[in-house]
PDB file of N, CA and C in Angstrom:
ATOM      1  N   UNK A   1     -38.380 -30.677   7.683  1.00  0.00           N
ATOM      2  CA  UNK A   1     -37.507 -30.723   6.622  1.00  0.00           C
ATOM      3  C   UNK A   1     -36.174 -31.048   7.424  1.00  0.00           C
ATOM      4  N   UNK A   2     -35.333 -31.707   7.096  1.00  0.00           N
ATOM      5  CA  UNK A   2     -34.231 -32.144   7.749  1.00  0.00           C
ATOM      6  C   UNK A   2     -33.478 -30.721   7.399  1.00  0.00           C
ATOM      7  N   UNK A   3     -32.343 -30.718   8.525  1.00  0.00           N
ATOM      8  CA  UNK A   3     -31.701 -29.500   8.529  1.00  0.00           C
ATOM      9  C   UNK A   3     -30.700 -29.304   7.211  1.00  0.00           C
ATOM     10  N   UNK A   4     -30.096 -30.364   6.741  1.00  0.00           N
ATOM     11  CA  UNK A   4     -29.130 -30.338   5.630  1.00  0.00           C
ATOM     12  C   UNK A   4     -30.200 -29.941   4.301  1.00  0.00           C
ATOM     13  N   UNK A   5     -30.937 -30.087   3.918  1.00  0.00           N
ATOM     14  CA  UNK A   5     -32.059 -29.794   2.831  1.00  0.00           C
ATOM     15  C   UNK A   5     -32.742 -28.329   3.229  1.00  0.00           C
ATOM     16  N   UNK A   6     -32.616 -28.089   4.429  1.00  0.00           N
ATOM     17  CA  UNK A   6     -33.108 -26.296   4.807  1.00  0.00           C
ATOM     18  C   UNK A   6     -32.017 -25.543   4.484  1.00  0.00           C
ATOM     19  N   UNK A   7     -30.969 -26.039   4.712  1.00  0.00           N
ATOM     20  CA  UNK A   7     -29.579 -25.136   4.243  1.00  0.00           C
ATOM     21  C   UNK A   7     -29.409 -24.917   2.711  1.00  0.00           C
ATOM     22  N   UNK A   8     -29.557 -26.111   2.011  1.00  0.00           N
ATOM     23  CA  UNK A   8     -29.445 -26.355   0.772  1.00  0.00           C
ATOM     24  C   UNK A   8     -30.565 -25.418   0.232  1.00  0.00           C
ATOM     25  N   UNK A   9     -32.019 -25.484   0.469  1.00  0.00           N
ATOM     26  CA  UNK A   9     -32.604 -24.552   0.008  1.00  0.00           C
ATOM     27  C   UNK A   9     -32.596 -22.997   0.092  1.00  0.00           C
ATOM     28  N   UNK A  10     -31.709 -22.745   1.145  1.00  0.00           N
ATOM     29  CA  UNK A  10     -31.557 -21.291   1.437  1.00  0.00           C
ATOM     30  C   UNK A  10     -30.480 -20.666   0.356  1.00  0.00           C
ATOM     31  N   UNK A  11     -29.617 -21.451  -0.048  1.00  0.00           N
ATOM     32  CA  UNK A  11     -28.456 -21.068  -0.538  1.00  0.00           C
ATOM     33  C   UNK A  11     -29.051 -21.139  -2.316  1.00  0.00           C
ATOM     34  N   UNK A  12     -29.931 -21.858  -2.533  1.00  0.00           N
ATOM     35  CA  UNK A  12     -30.371 -22.211  -4.129  1.00  0.00           C
ATOM     36  C   UNK A  12     -31.589 -21.020  -4.043  1.00  0.00           C
ATOM     37  N   UNK A  13     -32.047 -20.478  -3.282  1.00  0.00           N
ATOM     38  CA  UNK A  13     -33.038 -19.339  -3.143  1.00  0.00           C
ATOM     39  C   UNK A  13     -32.405 -18.147  -4.017  1.00  0.00           C
ATOM     40  N   UNK A  14     -32.764 -17.877  -5.250  1.00  0.00           N
ATOM     41  CA  UNK A  14     -32.461 -16.708  -5.799  1.00  0.00           C
ATOM     42  C   UNK A  14     -32.451 -15.445  -5.095  1.00  0.00           C
ATOM     43  N   UNK A  15     -33.613 -15.494  -4.351  1.00  0.00           N
ATOM     44  CA  UNK A  15     -33.483 -13.711  -3.025  1.00  0.00           C
ATOM     45  C   UNK A  15     -32.908 -13.835  -2.458  1.00  0.00           C
ATOM     46  N   UNK A  16     -32.101 -14.766  -1.917  1.00  0.00           N
ATOM     47  CA  UNK A  16     -31.214 -14.584  -0.883  1.00  0.00           C
ATOM     48  C   UNK A  16     -29.510 -14.445  -1.323  1.00  0.00           C
ATOM     49  N   UNK A  17     -29.131 -13.763  -0.427  1.00  0.00           N
ATOM     50  CA  UNK A  17     -27.230 -13.416  -0.818  1.00  0.00           C
ATOM     51  C   UNK A  17     -26.498 -14.393   0.103  1.00  0.00           C
ATOM     52  N   UNK A  18     -25.788 -15.091  -0.622  1.00  0.00           N
ATOM     53  CA  UNK A  18     -24.690 -15.849  -0.061  1.00  0.00           C
ATOM     54  C   UNK A  18     -23.819 -15.303   0.699  1.00  0.00           C
ATOM     55  N   UNK A  19     -23.264 -15.369   1.972  1.00  0.00           N
ATOM     56  CA  UNK A  19     -22.211 -14.952   2.420  1.00  0.00           C
ATOM     57  C   UNK A  19     -21.288 -15.635   2.355  1.00  0.00           C
ATOM     58  N   UNK A  20     -20.042 -15.042   2.946  1.00  0.00           N
ATOM     59  CA  UNK A  20     -18.580 -15.891   2.617  1.00  0.00           C
ATOM     60  C   UNK A  20     -18.619 -16.201   3.863  1.00  0.00           C
ATOM     61  N   UNK A  21     -17.824 -17.474   4.003  1.00  0.00           N
ATOM     62  CA  UNK A  21     -17.299 -17.951   5.399  1.00  0.00           C
ATOM     63  C   UNK A  21     -16.251 -16.950   6.176  1.00  0.00           C
ATOM     64  N   UNK A  22     -16.324 -16.639   7.338  1.00  0.00           N
ATOM     65  CA  UNK A  22     -15.390 -16.057   8.337  1.00  0.00           C
ATOM     66  C   UNK A  22     -13.928 -16.327   7.663  1.00  0.00           C
ATOM     67  N   UNK A  23     -13.631 -17.705   7.534  1.00  0.00           N
ATOM     68  CA  UNK A  23     -12.286 -18.208   7.319  1.00  0.00           C
ATOM     69  C   UNK A  23     -11.945 -17.564   5.830  1.00  0.00           C
ATOM     70  N   UNK A  24     -12.714 -17.614   4.887  1.00  0.00           N
ATOM     71  CA  UNK A  24     -12.303 -17.136   3.573  1.00  0.00           C
ATOM     72  C   UNK A  24     -12.020 -15.513   3.525  1.00  0.00           C
ATOM     73  N   UNK A  25     -12.868 -14.749   4.418  1.00  0.00           N
ATOM     74  CA  UNK A  25     -12.843 -13.347   4.483  1.00  0.00           C
ATOM     75  C   UNK A  25     -11.619 -13.091   5.209  1.00  0.00           C
ATOM     76  N   UNK A  26     -11.081 -14.093   6.239  1.00  0.00           N
ATOM     77  CA  UNK A  26      -9.833 -13.642   6.851  1.00  0.00           C
ATOM     78  C   UNK A  26      -8.473 -13.898   6.178  1.00  0.00           C
ATOM     79  N   UNK A  27      -8.913 -14.902   5.054  1.00  0.00           N
ATOM     80  CA  UNK A  27      -7.880 -15.504   4.228  1.00  0.00           C
ATOM     81  C   UNK A  27      -7.592 -14.359   3.299  1.00  0.00           C
ATOM     82  N   UNK A  28      -8.585 -13.704   2.668  1.00  0.00           N
ATOM     83  CA  UNK A  28      -8.575 -12.691   1.693  1.00  0.00           C
ATOM     84  C   UNK A  28      -7.790 -11.358   2.234  1.00  0.00           C
ATOM     85  N   UNK A  29      -8.240 -11.031   3.434  1.00  0.00           N
ATOM     86  CA  UNK A  29      -7.969  -9.909   4.051  1.00  0.00           C
ATOM     87  C   UNK A  29      -6.289 -10.289   4.277  1.00  0.00           C
ATOM     88  N   UNK A  30      -6.002 -11.196   4.737  1.00  0.00           N
ATOM     89  CA  UNK A  30      -4.502 -11.779   4.986  1.00  0.00           C
ATOM     90  C   UNK A  30      -3.896 -11.660   3.732  1.00  0.00           C
ATOM     91  N   UNK A  31      -4.253 -12.133   2.781  1.00  0.00           N
ATOM     92  CA  UNK A  31      -3.389 -11.901   1.105  1.00  0.00           C
ATOM     93  C   UNK A  31      -3.260 -10.742   0.646  1.00  0.00           C
ATOM     94  N   UNK A  32      -4.726  -9.759   1.024  1.00  0.00           N
ATOM     95  CA  UNK A  32      -4.528  -8.326   0.614  1.00  0.00           C
ATOM     96  C   UNK A  32      -3.088  -7.464   1.249  1.00  0.00           C
ATOM     97  N   UNK A  33      -2.912  -8.158   2.588  1.00  0.00           N
ATOM     98  CA  UNK A  33      -1.932  -7.117   3.303  1.00  0.00           C
ATOM     99  C   UNK A  33      -0.757  -7.715   2.951  1.00  0.00           C
ATOM    100  N   UNK A  34      -0.637  -8.867   2.368  1.00  0.00           N
ATOM    101  CA  UNK A  34       0.687  -9.075   1.740  1.00  0.00           C
ATOM    102  C   UNK A  34       0.893  -9.072   0.296  1.00  0.00           C
ATOM    103  N   UNK A  35      -0.091  -8.386  -0.475  1.00  0.00           N
ATOM    104  CA  UNK A  35       0.006  -8.222  -1.808  1.00  0.00           C
ATOM    105  C   UNK A  35       1.201  -6.949  -2.048  1.00  0.00           C
ATOM    106  N   UNK A  36       1.885  -6.883  -3.004  1.00  0.00           N
ATOM    107  CA  UNK A  36       2.720  -6.184  -3.139  1.00  0.00           C
ATOM    108  C   UNK A  36       2.104  -4.359  -3.329  1.00  0.00           C
ATOM    109  N   UNK A  37       2.456  -3.771  -2.679  1.00  0.00           N
ATOM    110  CA  UNK A  37       2.281  -1.911  -3.021  1.00  0.00           C
ATOM    111  C   UNK A  37       3.278  -1.125  -3.204  1.00  0.00           C
ATOM    112  N   UNK A  38       3.311  -0.253  -3.779  1.00  0.00           N
ATOM    113  CA  UNK A  38       4.288   0.439  -4.155  1.00  0.00           C
ATOM    114  C   UNK A  38       4.082   2.107  -3.618  1.00  0.00           C
ATOM    115  N   UNK A  39       4.917   2.829  -2.924  1.00  0.00           N
ATOM    116  CA  UNK A  39       4.986   4.112  -2.192  1.00  0.00           C
ATOM    117  C   UNK A  39       5.427   5.021  -3.408  1.00  0.00           C
ATOM    118  N   UNK A  40       4.851   6.112  -3.929  1.00  0.00           N
ATOM    119  CA  UNK A  40       4.844   6.930  -4.881  1.00  0.00           C
ATOM    120  C   UNK A  40       5.569   8.425  -4.174  1.00  0.00           C
ATOM    121  N   UNK A  41       6.816   8.785  -4.310  1.00  0.00           N
ATOM    122  CA  UNK A  41       6.998   9.919  -3.928  1.00  0.00           C
ATOM    123  C   UNK A  41       6.592  10.887  -5.159  1.00  0.00           C
ATOM    124  N   UNK A  42       5.810  12.178  -4.779  1.00  0.00           N
ATOM    125  CA  UNK A  42       5.694  13.043  -5.738  1.00  0.00           C
ATOM    126  C   UNK A  42       6.226  14.374  -5.632  1.00  0.00           C
ATOM    127  N   UNK A  43       6.643  14.922  -6.575  1.00  0.00           N
ATOM    128  CA  UNK A  43       7.434  16.118  -6.848  1.00  0.00           C
ATOM    129  C   UNK A  43       6.686  17.375  -5.926  1.00  0.00           C
ATOM    130  N   UNK A  44       7.342  18.210  -5.801  1.00  0.00           N
ATOM    131  CA  UNK A  44       6.943  19.502  -4.949  1.00  0.00           C
ATOM    132  C   UNK A  44       7.959  20.683  -5.562  1.00  0.00           C
ATOM    133  N   UNK A  45       7.255  21.552  -5.222  1.00  0.00           N
ATOM    134  CA  UNK A  45       8.398  23.056  -5.235  1.00  0.00           C
ATOM    135  C   UNK A  45       8.760  23.690  -4.189  1.00  0.00           C
ATOM    136  N   UNK A  46       8.306  22.815  -2.914  1.00  0.00           N
ATOM    137  CA  UNK A  46       8.412  23.391  -1.582  1.00  0.00           C
ATOM    138  C   UNK A  46       9.770  22.804  -1.148  1.00  0.00           C
ATOM    139  N   UNK A  47      10.052  21.655  -1.161  1.00  0.00           N
ATOM    140  CA  UNK A  47      11.149  20.947  -0.294  1.00  0.00           C
ATOM    141  C   UNK A  47      12.414  21.007  -1.210  1.00  0.00           C
ATOM    142  N   UNK A  48      13.631  21.141  -0.452  1.00  0.00           N
ATOM    143  CA  UNK A  48      14.642  21.403  -1.227  1.00  0.00           C
ATOM    144  C   UNK A  48      15.076  19.618  -1.640  1.00  0.00           C
ATOM    145  N   UNK A  49      16.067  19.726  -2.650  1.00  0.00           N
ATOM    146  CA  UNK A  49      16.718  18.454  -2.913  1.00  0.00           C
ATOM    147  C   UNK A  49      17.289  17.781  -1.392  1.00  0.00           C
ATOM    148  N   UNK A  50      18.041  18.338  -0.981  1.00  0.00           N
ATOM    149  CA  UNK A  50      18.643  17.765   0.225  1.00  0.00           C
ATOM    150  C   UNK A  50      17.528  17.444   1.077  1.00  0.00           C
ATOM    151  N   UNK A  51      16.917  18.103   1.354  1.00  0.00           N
ATOM    152  CA  UNK A  51      15.626  17.880   2.462  1.00  0.00           C
ATOM    153  C   UNK A  51      14.999  16.497   2.168  1.00  0.00           C
ATOM    154  N   UNK A  52      14.639  16.166   0.777  1.00  0.00           N
ATOM    155  CA  UNK A  52      13.967  15.309   0.402  1.00  0.00           C
ATOM    156  C   UNK A  52      15.070  13.792   0.395  1.00  0.00           C
ATOM    157  N   UNK A  53      16.468  14.134   0.085  1.00  0.00           N
ATOM    158  CA  UNK A  53      17.119  13.006   0.426  1.00  0.00           C
ATOM    159  C   UNK A  53      17.161  12.516   1.609  1.00  0.00           C
ATOM    160  N   UNK A  54      17.502  13.411   2.610  1.00  0.00           N
ATOM    161  CA  UNK A  54      17.235  12.999   4.012  1.00  0.00           C
ATOM    162  C   UNK A  54      16.308  12.496   4.461  1.00  0.00           C
ATOM    163  N   UNK A  55      14.841  13.044   3.837  1.00  0.00           N
ATOM    164  CA  UNK A  55      13.518  12.490   4.728  1.00  0.00           C
ATOM    165  C   UNK A  55      13.764  11.108   3.760  1.00  0.00           C
ATOM    166  N   UNK A  56      13.931  10.577   2.771  1.00  0.00           N
ATOM    167  CA  UNK A  56      13.971   9.123   2.332  1.00  0.00           C
ATOM    168  C   UNK A  56      14.977   8.311   2.948  1.00  0.00           C
ATOM    169  N   UNK A  57      16.163   8.905   3.413  1.00  0.00           N
ATOM    170  CA  UNK A  57      16.704   8.088   4.373  1.00  0.00           C
ATOM    171  C   UNK A  57      16.503   7.670   5.641  1.00  0.00           C
ATOM    172  N   UNK A  58      15.681   8.563   6.360  1.00  0.00           N
ATOM    173  CA  UNK A  58      15.106   8.265   7.512  1.00  0.00           C
ATOM    174  C   UNK A  58      13.851   8.057   7.502  1.00  0.00           C
ATOM    175  N   UNK A  59      13.103   7.573   6.513  1.00  0.00           N
ATOM    176  CA  UNK A  59      11.775   7.116   6.139  1.00  0.00           C
ATOM    177  C   UNK A  59      11.690   5.651   5.752  1.00  0.00           C
ATOM    178  N   UNK A  60      12.692   5.233   4.981  1.00  0.00           N
ATOM    179  CA  UNK A  60      12.537   4.097   4.068  1.00  0.00           C
ATOM    180  C   UNK A  60      13.697   2.845   4.670  1.00  0.00           C
ATOM    181  N   UNK A  61      13.342   2.004   5.469  1.00  0.00           N
ATOM    182  CA  UNK A  61      14.337   1.114   5.891  1.00  0.00           C
ATOM    183  C   UNK A  61      15.251   0.497   4.825  1.00  0.00           C
ATOM    184  N   UNK A  62      16.793   0.345   5.032  1.00  0.00           N
ATOM    185  CA  UNK A  62      17.468  -0.072   3.878  1.00  0.00           C
ATOM    186  C   UNK A  62      17.815   0.617   2.893  1.00  0.00           C
ATOM    187  N   UNK A  63      17.595   1.785   2.651  1.00  0.00           N
ATOM    188  CA  UNK A  63      17.863   2.638   1.464  1.00  0.00           C
ATOM    189  C   UNK A  63      19.051   3.415   1.702  1.00  0.00           C
ATOM    190  N   UNK A  64      19.867   3.300   0.866  1.00  0.00           N
ATOM    191  CA  UNK A  64      21.458   4.192   0.746  1.00  0.00           C
ATOM    192  C   UNK A  64      21.270   5.328   0.170  1.00  0.00           C
ATOM    193  N   UNK A  65      22.051   6.195   0.384  1.00  0.00           N
ATOM    194  CA  UNK A  65      22.235   7.724  -0.223  1.00  0.00           C
ATOM    195  C   UNK A  65      22.023   7.621  -1.610  1.00  0.00           C
ATOM    196  N   UNK A  66      22.840   6.666  -2.378  1.00  0.00           N
ATOM    197  CA  UNK A  66      22.785   6.932  -3.957  1.00  0.00           C
ATOM    198  C   UNK A  66      21.455   6.593  -4.304  1.00  0.00           C
ATOM    199  N   UNK A  67      20.727   5.419  -3.511  1.00  0.00           N
ATOM    200  CA  UNK A  67      19.117   5.270  -4.048  1.00  0.00           C
ATOM    201  C   UNK A  67      18.219   6.210  -3.753  1.00  0.00           C
ATOM    202  N   UNK A  68      18.325   6.838  -2.499  1.00  0.00           N
ATOM    203  CA  UNK A  68      17.718   8.139  -2.133  1.00  0.00           C
ATOM    204  C   UNK A  68      17.917   9.190  -3.249  1.00  0.00           C
ATOM    205  N   UNK A  69      19.168   9.339  -3.762  1.00  0.00           N
ATOM    206  CA  UNK A  69      19.244  10.543  -4.502  1.00  0.00           C
ATOM    207  C   UNK A  69      18.883  10.238  -6.062  1.00  0.00           C
ATOM    208  N   UNK A  70      18.943   8.951  -6.320  1.00  0.00           N
ATOM    209  CA  UNK A  70      18.111   8.455  -7.773  1.00  0.00           C
ATOM    210  C   UNK A  70      16.495   8.796  -7.574  1.00  0.00           C
ATOM    211  N   UNK A  71      15.899   8.376  -6.630  1.00  0.00           N
ATOM    212  CA  UNK A  71      14.582   8.131  -6.138  1.00  0.00           C
ATOM    213  C   UNK A  71      14.149  10.143  -6.409  1.00  0.00           C
ATOM    214  N   UNK A  72      15.029  10.846  -5.543  1.00  0.00           N
ATOM    215  CA  UNK A  72      14.798  12.337  -5.778  1.00  0.00           C
ATOM    216  C   UNK A  72      14.533  12.656  -7.353  1.00  0.00           C
ATOM    217  N   UNK A  73      15.744  12.501  -7.933  1.00  0.00           N
ATOM    218  CA  UNK A  73      15.955  13.066  -9.266  1.00  0.00           C
ATOM    219  C   UNK A  73      14.696  12.872 -10.125  1.00  0.00           C
ATOM    220  N   UNK A  74      14.462  11.228  -9.865  1.00  0.00           N
ATOM    221  CA  UNK A  74      13.197  10.862 -10.891  1.00  0.00           C
ATOM    222  C   UNK A  74      11.792  11.663 -10.402  1.00  0.00           C
ATOM    223  N   UNK A  75      11.540  11.833  -9.306  1.00  0.00           N
ATOM    224  CA  UNK A  75      10.859  12.779  -8.878  1.00  0.00           C
ATOM    225  C   UNK A  75      10.516  13.991  -9.137  1.00  0.00           C
ATOM    226  N   UNK A  76      11.875  14.402  -9.342  1.00  0.00           N
ATOM    227  CA  UNK A  76      12.127  15.731  -9.513  1.00  0.00           C
ATOM    228  C   UNK A  76      11.983  15.969 -11.179  1.00  0.00           C
ATOM    229  N   UNK A  77      12.386  15.201 -11.949  1.00  0.00           N
ATOM    230  CA  UNK A  77      12.373  15.000 -13.371  1.00  0.00           C
ATOM    231  C   UNK A  77      11.237  14.497 -14.223  1.00  0.00           C
ATOM    232  N   UNK A  78      10.287  13.703 -13.503  1.00  0.00           N
ATOM    233  CA  UNK A  78       9.204  13.181 -14.005  1.00  0.00           C
ATOM    234  C   UNK A  78       8.340  13.510 -13.217  1.00  0.00           C
ATOM    235  N   UNK A  79       8.007  13.832 -12.284  1.00  0.00           N
ATOM    236  CA  UNK A  79       6.713  14.257 -11.329  1.00  0.00           C
ATOM    237  C   UNK A  79       6.495  13.131 -10.351  1.00  0.00           C
ATOM    238  N   UNK A  80       7.083  12.202 -10.103  1.00  0.00           N
ATOM    239  CA  UNK A  80       6.816  11.127  -9.305  1.00  0.00           C
ATOM    240  C   UNK A  80       7.947   9.980  -9.622  1.00  0.00           C
ATOM    241  N   UNK A  81       8.078   9.288  -8.594  1.00  0.00           N
ATOM    242  CA  UNK A  81       9.222   7.909  -8.416  1.00  0.00           C
ATOM    243  C   UNK A  81       8.351   7.064  -7.449  1.00  0.00           C
ATOM    244  N   UNK A  82       8.492   5.965  -7.809  1.00  0.00           N
ATOM    245  CA  UNK A  82       8.493   4.769  -6.975  1.00  0.00           C
ATOM    246  C   UNK A  82       9.713   4.566  -5.827  1.00  0.00           C
ATOM    247  N   UNK A  83       9.301   4.811  -4.540  1.00  0.00           N
ATOM    248  CA  UNK A  83      10.151   4.727  -3.306  1.00  0.00           C
ATOM    249  C   UNK A  83      10.453   3.163  -2.973  1.00  0.00           C
ATOM    250  N   UNK A  84       9.359   2.369  -2.817  1.00  0.00           N
ATOM    251  CA  UNK A  84       9.487   0.815  -2.148  1.00  0.00           C
ATOM    252  C   UNK A  84       8.570   0.320  -2.677  1.00  0.00           C
ATOM    253  N   UNK A  85       8.341  -1.145  -3.121  1.00  0.00           N
ATOM    254  CA  UNK A  85       7.651  -2.075  -3.051  1.00  0.00           C
ATOM    255  C   UNK A  85       7.536  -2.769  -1.981  1.00  0.00           C
ATOM    256  N   UNK A  86       6.346  -3.221  -1.596  1.00  0.00           N
ATOM    257  CA  UNK A  86       6.198  -3.560   0.000  1.00  0.00           C
ATOM    258  C   UNK A  86       4.992  -4.256   0.391  1.00  0.00           C
ATOM    259  N   UNK A  87       4.629  -5.182   1.605  1.00  0.00           N
ATOM    260  CA  UNK A  87       3.294  -5.287   2.012  1.00  0.00           C
ATOM    261  C   UNK A  87       2.686  -3.967   2.448  1.00  0.00           C
ATOM    262  N   UNK A  88       1.319  -3.924   2.311  1.00  0.00           N
ATOM    263  CA  UNK A  88       0.525  -2.495   2.541  1.00  0.00           C
ATOM    264  C   UNK A  88       1.177  -1.951   3.990  1.00  0.00           C
ATOM    265  N   UNK A  89       1.271  -2.828   5.086  1.00  0.00           N
ATOM    266  CA  UNK A  89       1.568  -2.214   6.336  1.00  0.00           C
ATOM    267  C   UNK A  89       2.731  -1.560   6.346  1.00  0.00           C
ATOM    268  N   UNK A  90       3.653  -1.877   5.807  1.00  0.00           N
ATOM    269  CA  UNK A  90       5.022  -1.221   5.406  1.00  0.00           C
ATOM    270  C   UNK A  90       4.892   0.016   4.681  1.00  0.00           C
ATOM    271  N   UNK A  91       4.227  -0.143   3.584  1.00  0.00           N
ATOM    272  CA  UNK A  91       4.010   1.128   2.827  1.00  0.00           C
ATOM    273  C   UNK A  91       3.264   2.095   3.445  1.00  0.00           C
ATOM    274  N   UNK A  92       2.033   1.711   4.022  1.00  0.00           N
ATOM    275  CA  UNK A  92       1.481   2.664   5.030  1.00  0.00           C
ATOM    276  C   UNK A  92       2.518   3.398   5.926  1.00  0.00           C
ATOM    277  N   UNK A  93       3.587   2.768   6.575  1.00  0.00           N
ATOM    278  CA  UNK A  93       4.431   3.344   7.777  1.00  0.00           C
ATOM    279  C   UNK A  93       5.382   4.375   6.492  1.00  0.00           C
ATOM    280  N   UNK A  94       5.690   3.933   5.791  1.00  0.00           N
ATOM    281  CA  UNK A  94       6.914   4.960   4.743  1.00  0.00           C
ATOM    282  C   UNK A  94       6.036   5.649   4.553  1.00  0.00           C
ATOM    283  N   UNK A  95       4.935   5.729   3.891  1.00  0.00           N
ATOM    284  CA  UNK A  95       4.075   6.944   3.348  1.00  0.00           C
ATOM    285  C   UNK A  95       3.971   7.873   4.496  1.00  0.00           C
ATOM    286  N   UNK A  96       3.652   7.250   5.803  1.00  0.00           N
ATOM    287  CA  UNK A  96       3.619   8.122   6.886  1.00  0.00           C
ATOM    288  C   UNK A  96       4.592   9.035   7.268  1.00  0.00           C
ATOM    289  N   UNK A  97       5.742   8.369   7.293  1.00  0.00           N
ATOM    290  CA  UNK A  97       6.989   8.818   7.704  1.00  0.00           C
ATOM    291  C   UNK A  97       7.430  10.045   6.583  1.00  0.00           C
ATOM    292  N   UNK A  98       7.052   9.532   5.149  1.00  0.00           N
ATOM    293  CA  UNK A  98       7.517  10.775   4.299  1.00  0.00           C
ATOM    294  C   UNK A  98       6.593  11.963   4.422  1.00  0.00           C
ATOM    295  N   UNK A  99       5.249  11.965   4.797  1.00  0.00           N
ATOM    296  CA  UNK A  99       4.413  12.625   5.065  1.00  0.00           C
ATOM    297  C   UNK A  99       4.614  13.568   5.886  1.00  0.00           C
ATOM    298  N   UNK A 100       5.207  12.905   7.207  1.00  0.00           N
ATOM    299  CA  UNK A 100       5.818  13.656   8.585  1.00  0.00           C
ATOM    300  C   UNK A 100       6.839  14.889   8.125  1.00  0.00           C
ATOM    301  N   UNK A 101       7.735  14.700   6.911  1.00  0.00           N
ATOM    302  CA  UNK A 101       8.659  15.355   6.818  1.00  0.00           C
ATOM    303  C   UNK A 101       8.558  16.616   5.926  1.00  0.00           C
ATOM    304  N   UNK A 102       7.087  16.210   5.705  1.00  0.00           N
ATOM    305  CA  UNK A 102       6.674  17.690   4.807  1.00  0.00           C
ATOM    306  C   UNK A 102       6.693  17.211   3.035  1.00  0.00           C
ATOM    307  N   UNK A 103       6.701  15.578   2.793  1.00  0.00           N
ATOM    308  CA  UNK A 103       6.770  15.353   1.385  1.00  0.00           C
ATOM    309  C   UNK A 103       5.593  14.940   1.125  1.00  0.00           C
ATOM    310  N   UNK A 104       4.849  14.738  -0.424  1.00  0.00           N
ATOM    311  CA  UNK A 104       4.092  14.167  -0.842  1.00  0.00           C
ATOM    312  C   UNK A 104       4.117  12.918  -1.376  1.00  0.00           C
ATOM    313  N   UNK A 105       3.318  11.748  -0.495  1.00  0.00           N
ATOM    314  CA  UNK A 105       3.448  10.405  -0.922  1.00  0.00           C
ATOM    315  C   UNK A 105       2.282   9.694  -1.203  1.00  0.00           C
ATOM    316  N   UNK A 106       1.817   8.849  -2.189  1.00  0.00           N
ATOM    317  CA  UNK A 106       0.915   8.125  -2.018  1.00  0.00           C
ATOM    318  C   UNK A 106       1.019   6.706  -2.251  1.00  0.00           C
ATOM    319  N   UNK A 107       0.254   5.747  -2.115  1.00  0.00           N
ATOM    320  CA  UNK A 107       0.272   4.237  -1.979  1.00  0.00           C
ATOM    321  C   UNK A 107      -0.428   3.905  -3.233  1.00  0.00           C
ATOM    322  N   UNK A 108       0.122   2.734  -4.054  1.00  0.00           N
ATOM    323  CA  UNK A 108      -0.860   2.172  -5.248  1.00  0.00           C
ATOM    324  C   UNK A 108      -0.787   0.900  -5.131  1.00  0.00           C
ATOM    325  N   UNK A 109      -1.565   0.007  -5.506  1.00  0.00           N
ATOM    326  CA  UNK A 109      -0.837  -1.336  -5.704  1.00  0.00           C
ATOM    327  C   UNK A 109      -0.077  -1.573  -6.746  1.00  0.00           C
ATOM    328  N   UNK A 110       0.991  -2.672  -6.480  1.00  0.00           N
ATOM    329  CA  UNK A 110       2.014  -2.607  -7.546  1.00  0.00           C
ATOM    330  C   UNK A 110       1.569  -3.870  -8.591  1.00  0.00           C
TER     331      UNK A 110
END
């Protein structure tokens, strides 16, 4: 049997599982990494408000004091606050920095 029809028979065989070409897998992975994610700060009863603001300023690139205070107050009043929306790699870095300061933070898809 010619090779082209052999490959065709394999993809049409209902017992076989089709695989995604590597290029498409890499494209999906690359796209997911650039999808927007949000870092969420969770309120706790341990850290002072000053510590939370200082930690936000140290952990989040480009954050100003007013925005850090707003984030801290939202977390304090509602239990959680959105810190930043960004690609996954930066979200992971910000979350790790916040956690290293003793804060509780999570990542969610935006």
